[in-house]
Structures are given as C-alpha cells and as structure tokens.
Amino acid sequence: MKLSATEKISLLLVDDDSTFCRVLCRALEKRGFAVTVAHSVEQALPLANENPPEYAIVDLKMGGASGLTLVHALHELDPATRTVVLTGYGSISTAVEAIKLGATQYLTKPANADEIVAAFGHIASTDAQLNAQTLTADQMEWEHIQRVLKGYQGNVSATSRALNMHRRTLQRKLAKRQNTEG
C-alpha cells in the first residue's frame, strides 16, 4: 500500500552536495517521506518556519551557517522534530553539541537511507550520550590518528607529518593497536 502525498511524513533534507541530496531524496521518498530539499541553512530556515518538518537531516558543515544553527532552530520551532546530523568530519565534541541542541542522532558520512531512517528511531539522551562516549586519552588519540590517516588515504608518511609525529612512532602505535585488537 502506497501512502498518498497528504499522508507522507514531512522531512527536510539540508546538505550542500546536490548529488547526495538527489540520491537520498529519491531513497527517502520510496520509504514514504515527503522530502523538501535545501542546500544551506539560509535556504532551510524559511522552509522550516513555513512548515516545520516532522523529520530533518542536516549536514554539519555547509557554506554559510553551521548545521548546528539549524538543529537549534528546528528544535525551537518544534521539539518533537526528529533530526539526524550528518558529517564527513565526526568528532565527539560536535556530536555532544548536536545532541544538546536537539538532534536525535549524529552520523558520519557515508550513511545510507536505511541507516538514517534507523537513526530517527534513536532516543536521544545527552546524559546517555556523554556516558557512552566517554573515552580515555589513548582512545581519543587513536580516533584522531585514524581520522587523519583516513584523510591521507592510509599514507603513513603524510599522516605522521600532519600529526607532527615521527613516522616510526606512528608505525609503532599502529602496529601496537593492531596486535592488541587482532
């Protein structure tokens, strides 16, 4: 049974990548959402004010204002709006900030439509997020190393320069972690 346009659930998709928006929009429409697309916070705010969405997907970093500005505005308009924040540059501090501002969930890209829809069902709790996300200094360092290493497509020499760390030191850290995990 297909839902009619009037029965579809309203969703605001805000991302500056038009190709990503087009693909995700189609996938979400197939899942029963009535999707409105904006490519900046500045485009999205009037749309949200005119018709507050039931669901929203917001990219964190776009040209202009931060996606966190929109998350806060959406939460102020309607605290029941379920908002998923997407980012290519995930960090614990921005995830916690997004949750505090009213986001339901925070996902790093690439995320597919199924993962995003599942994230809408997540029950946001800042306290639970803080407790679940408390990491040791070693874990935080490891996450940072992995993020930089990924940014340099696994190039250890480039990563060590970016981290201002001797290449052999970085190799030892990588080998040590790999030996304890595997």
Protein backbone atom coordinates (compact mmCIF):
# COMPACT_ATOMS: atom_id res chain seq x y z
CA MET A 1 0.00 0.00 0.00
CA LYS A 2 1.43 3.37 -1.05
CA LEU A 3 0.87 6.48 1.03
CA SER A 4 -0.68 9.47 -0.72
CA ALA A 5 1.20 12.78 -0.74
CA THR A 6 -1.01 14.07 2.07
CA GLU A 7 -0.25 11.02 4.21
CA LYS A 8 3.51 11.18 3.73
CA ILE A 9 5.75 12.20 6.59
CA SER A 10 7.42 15.60 6.13
CA LEU A 11 11.22 15.58 6.01
CA LEU A 12 13.62 18.46 5.48
CA LEU A 13 16.94 17.43 3.86
CA VAL A 14 19.69 20.06 4.12
CA ASP A 15 23.07 19.37 2.50
CA ASP A 16 25.23 21.42 0.15
CA ASP A 17 26.04 18.36 -2.00
CA SER A 18 23.31 18.41 -4.66
CA THR A 19 24.12 14.91 -5.98
CA PHE A 20 23.93 13.43 -2.48
CA CYS A 21 20.60 15.25 -1.92
CA ARG A 22 19.13 13.99 -5.19
CA VAL A 23 20.06 10.35 -4.44
CA LEU A 24 19.00 10.47 -0.78
CA CYS A 25 15.78 12.31 -1.66
CA ARG A 26 14.71 9.52 -4.03
CA ALA A 27 15.58 6.82 -1.50
CA LEU A 28 13.62 8.58 1.26
CA GLU A 29 10.61 9.21 -0.95
CA LYS A 30 10.50 5.47 -1.68
CA ARG A 31 10.34 4.97 2.10
CA GLY A 32 7.24 7.17 2.44
CA PHE A 33 8.69 10.61 3.20
CA ALA A 34 7.64 13.88 1.56
CA VAL A 35 11.10 15.42 1.17
CA THR A 36 11.88 19.13 0.92
CA VAL A 37 15.49 19.90 -0.04
CA ALA A 38 17.63 22.92 0.84
CA HIS A 39 21.34 23.39 0.21
CA SER A 40 22.14 25.76 3.07
CA VAL A 41 20.92 26.78 6.50
CA GLU A 42 19.86 30.08 5.00
CA GLN A 43 17.62 28.28 2.45
CA ALA A 44 16.28 25.85 5.05
CA LEU A 45 15.19 28.30 7.76
CA PRO A 46 12.32 29.91 5.79
CA LEU A 47 11.13 26.46 4.66
CA ALA A 48 11.15 25.19 8.25
CA ASN A 49 9.40 28.31 9.56
CA GLU A 50 6.71 27.98 6.92
CA ASN A 51 6.15 24.27 7.54
CA PRO A 52 8.04 22.73 10.49
CA PRO A 53 9.09 19.21 9.43
CA GLU A 54 8.46 16.05 11.40
CA TYR A 55 11.95 14.83 10.45
CA ALA A 56 15.14 16.55 9.33
CA ILE A 57 18.54 15.53 8.01
CA VAL A 58 21.13 18.26 8.42
CA ASP A 59 24.72 18.34 7.16
CA LEU A 60 27.04 19.80 9.77
CA LYS A 61 29.41 21.75 7.51
CA MET A 62 28.00 23.75 4.64
CA GLY A 63 28.77 27.09 3.09
CA GLY A 64 27.34 29.77 5.36
CA ALA A 65 25.98 28.96 8.80
CA SER A 66 26.76 25.69 10.57
CA GLY A 67 24.20 22.90 10.54
CA LEU A 68 24.16 23.18 14.34
CA THR A 69 22.43 26.55 13.93
CA LEU A 70 19.64 24.82 12.03
CA VAL A 71 19.42 21.95 14.54
CA HIS A 72 18.83 24.50 17.30
CA ALA A 73 16.28 26.45 15.21
CA LEU A 74 14.36 23.27 14.32
CA HIS A 75 14.26 22.23 17.97
CA GLU A 76 12.97 25.69 18.94
CA LEU A 77 10.25 25.51 16.25
CA ASP A 78 9.10 22.03 17.27
CA PRO A 79 10.88 19.99 19.94
CA ALA A 80 9.24 16.84 18.50
CA THR A 81 11.16 17.18 15.20
CA ARG A 82 13.47 14.17 14.84
CA THR A 83 16.78 15.49 13.47
CA VAL A 84 19.76 13.47 12.27
CA VAL A 85 23.03 15.36 11.82
CA LEU A 86 25.36 14.09 9.09
CA THR A 87 29.01 14.97 8.80
CA GLY A 88 32.11 13.88 6.98
CA TYR A 89 34.19 15.09 9.92
CA GLY A 90 32.86 13.39 13.02
CA SER A 91 34.07 14.31 16.48
CA ILE A 92 32.79 13.59 19.94
CA SER A 93 32.53 17.27 20.87
CA THR A 94 30.34 18.15 17.87
CA ALA A 95 28.23 15.03 18.41
CA VAL A 96 27.57 16.03 22.01
CA GLU A 97 26.85 19.62 20.94
CA ALA A 98 24.38 18.42 18.28
CA ILE A 99 22.55 16.24 20.81
CA LYS A 100 22.42 19.10 23.33
CA LEU A 101 20.92 21.38 20.67
CA GLY A 102 18.15 18.89 19.93
CA ALA A 103 19.47 16.37 17.40
CA THR A 104 18.13 12.84 17.68
CA GLN A 105 21.29 11.23 16.33
CA TYR A 106 24.65 12.08 14.78
CA LEU A 107 26.05 10.02 11.89
CA THR A 108 29.27 10.24 9.93
CA LYS A 109 29.18 10.05 6.16
CA PRO A 110 28.82 7.95 4.21
CA ALA A 111 25.45 6.98 5.64
CA ASN A 112 22.74 5.33 3.57
CA ALA A 113 18.99 5.86 3.74
CA ASP A 114 18.41 2.77 5.91
CA GLU A 115 20.97 3.94 8.49
CA ILE A 116 19.42 7.40 8.56
CA VAL A 117 15.87 6.09 8.95
CA ALA A 118 17.07 3.81 11.76
CA ALA A 119 18.73 6.82 13.42
CA PHE A 120 15.37 8.61 13.52
CA GLY A 121 14.20 5.87 15.88
CA HIS A 122 17.10 6.50 18.25
CA ILE A 123 16.07 8.05 21.55
CA ALA A 124 18.38 10.96 22.23
CA SER A 125 19.63 11.44 25.73
CA THR A 126 22.51 13.81 26.35
CA ASP A 127 23.43 12.04 29.60
CA ALA A 128 23.41 8.65 27.90
CA GLN A 129 25.46 10.05 25.01
CA LEU A 130 28.00 11.59 27.38
CA ASN A 131 28.37 8.38 29.36
CA ALA A 132 28.53 6.19 26.28
CA GLN A 133 31.02 8.49 24.58
CA THR A 134 33.47 8.96 27.47
CA LEU A 135 36.83 7.91 26.07
CA THR A 136 40.27 7.63 27.57
CA ALA A 137 43.07 9.84 26.28
CA ASP A 138 44.51 6.83 24.42
CA GLN A 139 41.17 6.14 22.74
CA MET A 140 40.80 9.78 21.73
CA GLU A 141 44.34 9.81 20.33
CA TRP A 142 43.61 6.60 18.40
CA GLU A 143 40.41 8.07 16.94
CA HIS A 144 42.28 11.21 15.89
CA ILE A 145 45.09 9.18 14.30
CA GLN A 146 42.55 7.08 12.39
CA ARG A 147 40.69 10.17 11.17
CA VAL A 148 43.89 11.82 9.91
CA LEU A 149 45.16 8.55 8.41
CA LYS A 150 41.88 8.15 6.53
CA GLY A 151 42.15 11.75 5.31
CA TYR A 152 45.54 10.88 3.81
CA GLN A 153 44.21 7.62 2.28
CA GLY A 154 46.34 5.46 4.57
CA ASN A 155 49.62 7.24 3.76
CA VAL A 156 51.64 6.85 6.98
CA SER A 157 54.33 9.38 5.99
CA ALA A 158 51.82 12.13 5.18
CA THR A 159 49.83 11.31 8.32
CA SER A 160 52.92 11.49 10.53
CA ARG A 161 53.79 14.92 9.07
CA ALA A 162 50.23 16.15 9.64
CA LEU A 163 50.30 14.88 13.23
CA ASN A 164 53.80 16.28 13.79
CA MET A 165 54.85 12.80 14.87
CA HIS A 166 57.89 10.78 13.82
CA ARG A 167 56.88 8.22 11.17
CA ARG A 168 58.36 5.29 13.14
CA THR A 169 56.46 6.37 16.26
CA LEU A 170 53.22 6.38 14.27
CA GLN A 171 54.03 2.97 12.80
CA ARG A 172 54.65 1.56 16.30
CA LYS A 173 51.32 2.96 17.55
CA LEU A 174 49.51 1.46 14.57
CA ALA A 175 51.24 -1.91 14.97
CA LYS A 176 50.67 -1.99 18.72
CA ARG A 177 46.95 -1.29 18.35
CA GLN A 178 46.63 -3.84 15.54
CA ASN A 179 48.34 -6.51 17.67
CA THR A 180 46.05 -5.87 20.66
CA GLU A 181 42.89 -5.88 18.51
CA GLY A 182 43.73 -8.85 16.36
